[in-house]
Amino acid sequence: QVQLVESGGGLVQPGGSLRLSCTPSGNILPPYAMGWYRQAPGKSREMVAIIIRSGITNYADSVKGRFTISLVNANNTVYLQMNSLKPEDAALYCCNSVTASDDSSWGQGTQVTVSS
């Protein structure tokens, strides 16, 4: 079983930046894809960004041009660089990993707060 550990969240002012990271441990199989999802209070979870091992990426429209997802294949660590943060970006950000056999793992999440 894969454990995913996120870090990098915190409090930032509007317009600021944060970099999230997600590192897997345990019985690690190379993921087919990894991604970041977020859930704000009272809202459903939404996809933020996904990256396939080949490097193909997909972003939510709300973060395009501001967020960048990247994957280091050597250690299966995925990053989310978040720039120009807005109050509506505040949420619990969770990492997801999916193997080629469709086994999915989730991290506990890291909180992002955007406030002045």
Protein backbone atom coordinates (compact mmCIF):
# COMPACT_ATOMS: atom_id res chain seq x y z
CA GLN A 1 0.00 0.00 0.00
CA VAL A 2 1.25 3.43 -0.92
CA GLN A 3 1.25 6.29 1.56
CA LEU A 4 1.28 9.79 0.15
CA VAL A 5 2.58 12.63 2.29
CA GLU A 6 1.84 16.20 1.28
CA SER A 7 3.62 19.29 2.48
CA GLY A 8 4.00 22.95 1.62
CA GLY A 9 0.63 24.35 2.58
CA GLY A 10 0.16 27.37 4.76
CA LEU A 11 -1.12 30.91 4.99
CA VAL A 12 -0.35 33.27 2.15
CA GLN A 13 -1.61 36.68 1.11
CA PRO A 14 -3.57 37.12 -2.11
CA GLY A 15 -1.15 37.29 -4.99
CA GLY A 16 1.38 35.16 -3.17
CA SER A 17 2.85 31.78 -4.03
CA LEU A 18 3.15 28.35 -2.48
CA ARG A 19 4.75 25.13 -3.62
CA LEU A 20 3.14 21.88 -2.59
CA SER A 21 4.91 18.55 -2.70
CA CYS A 22 3.69 14.99 -2.44
CA THR A 23 6.06 12.16 -1.69
CA PRO A 24 5.03 8.50 -1.74
CA SER A 25 6.30 5.83 0.62
CA GLY A 26 5.55 2.19 1.17
CA ASN A 27 5.01 -0.38 -1.55
CA ILE A 28 5.68 1.96 -4.41
CA LEU A 29 4.79 1.08 -7.96
CA PRO A 30 5.53 3.72 -10.56
CA PRO A 31 2.35 5.72 -10.92
CA TYR A 32 0.62 6.09 -14.26
CA ALA A 33 -0.61 9.49 -13.16
CA MET A 34 -0.52 11.77 -10.16
CA GLY A 35 -2.63 14.75 -9.39
CA TRP A 36 -3.76 17.39 -6.99
CA TYR A 37 -7.34 17.84 -5.86
CA ARG A 38 -8.83 20.36 -3.46
CA GLN A 39 -11.87 20.66 -1.30
CA ALA A 40 -13.09 23.84 0.34
CA PRO A 41 -15.60 23.82 3.21
CA GLY A 42 -19.11 23.18 1.96
CA LYS A 43 -17.92 22.32 -1.53
CA SER A 44 -17.25 19.09 -3.35
CA ARG A 45 -13.76 17.94 -4.18
CA GLU A 46 -12.44 19.19 -7.50
CA MET A 47 -9.51 18.32 -9.70
CA VAL A 48 -6.82 20.97 -9.75
CA ALA A 49 -4.10 19.45 -11.91
CA ILE A 50 -3.10 16.03 -13.20
CA ILE A 51 0.13 14.84 -14.73
CA ILE A 52 0.69 11.58 -16.58
CA ARG A 53 4.08 9.95 -16.30
CA SER A 54 4.79 10.84 -19.92
CA GLY A 55 4.53 14.49 -18.95
CA ILE A 56 1.07 15.30 -20.29
CA THR A 57 -0.77 17.65 -17.96
CA ASN A 58 -4.33 18.80 -17.45
CA TYR A 59 -5.52 21.73 -15.36
CA ALA A 60 -8.77 23.06 -14.04
CA ASP A 61 -9.76 26.18 -15.95
CA SER A 62 -9.69 28.19 -12.73
CA VAL A 63 -5.95 27.61 -12.23
CA LYS A 64 -4.61 27.61 -15.79
CA GLY A 65 -1.74 30.04 -16.18
CA ARG A 66 -1.23 30.29 -12.41
CA PHE A 67 -0.49 26.73 -11.25
CA THR A 68 2.11 24.31 -12.58
CA ILE A 69 2.25 20.60 -11.84
CA SER A 70 5.47 18.63 -12.22
CA LEU A 71 6.60 15.08 -11.55
CA VAL A 72 10.04 13.79 -10.70
CA ASN A 73 9.97 10.25 -12.07
CA ALA A 74 13.09 9.22 -10.16
CA ASN A 75 11.31 9.36 -6.81
CA ASN A 76 7.67 9.70 -7.91
CA THR A 77 7.35 13.07 -6.17
CA VAL A 78 4.78 15.45 -7.57
CA TYR A 79 4.84 19.21 -7.07
CA LEU A 80 2.27 21.94 -7.48
CA GLN A 81 3.63 25.44 -7.91
CA MET A 82 0.86 27.89 -7.15
CA ASN A 83 1.30 31.53 -8.13
CA SER A 84 -1.01 34.53 -8.00
CA LEU A 85 -3.09 32.85 -5.33
CA LYS A 86 -6.63 34.05 -4.79
CA PRO A 87 -8.90 33.71 -1.76
CA GLU A 88 -10.99 31.22 -3.73
CA ASP A 89 -7.95 28.94 -3.97
CA ALA A 90 -8.11 28.29 -0.23
CA ALA A 91 -8.85 24.63 0.42
CA LEU A 92 -7.47 21.33 1.62
CA TYR A 93 -5.20 20.13 -1.16
CA CYS A 94 -4.85 16.38 -1.51
CA CYS A 95 -2.47 14.34 -3.62
CA ASN A 96 -3.61 11.34 -5.64
CA SER A 97 -1.64 8.61 -7.31
CA VAL A 98 -3.02 6.09 -9.80
CA THR A 99 -1.15 3.07 -11.10
CA ALA A 100 -1.52 1.53 -14.54
CA SER A 101 -3.80 -1.09 -12.98
CA ASP A 102 -6.04 1.69 -11.67
CA ASP A 103 -5.06 1.39 -8.01
CA SER A 104 -5.64 4.78 -6.42
CA SER A 105 -4.05 6.24 -3.31
CA TRP A 106 -4.77 9.48 -1.49
CA GLY A 107 -2.84 11.60 0.93
CA GLN A 108 -4.27 13.28 4.03
CA GLY A 109 -3.95 16.72 2.50
CA THR A 110 -2.27 20.01 3.25
CA GLN A 111 -4.22 23.15 4.05
CA VAL A 112 -3.87 26.26 1.93
CA THR A 113 -5.25 29.51 3.30
CA VAL A 114 -5.25 32.68 1.22
CA SER A 115 -6.06 35.75 3.24
CA SER A 116 -4.80 39.23 3.91
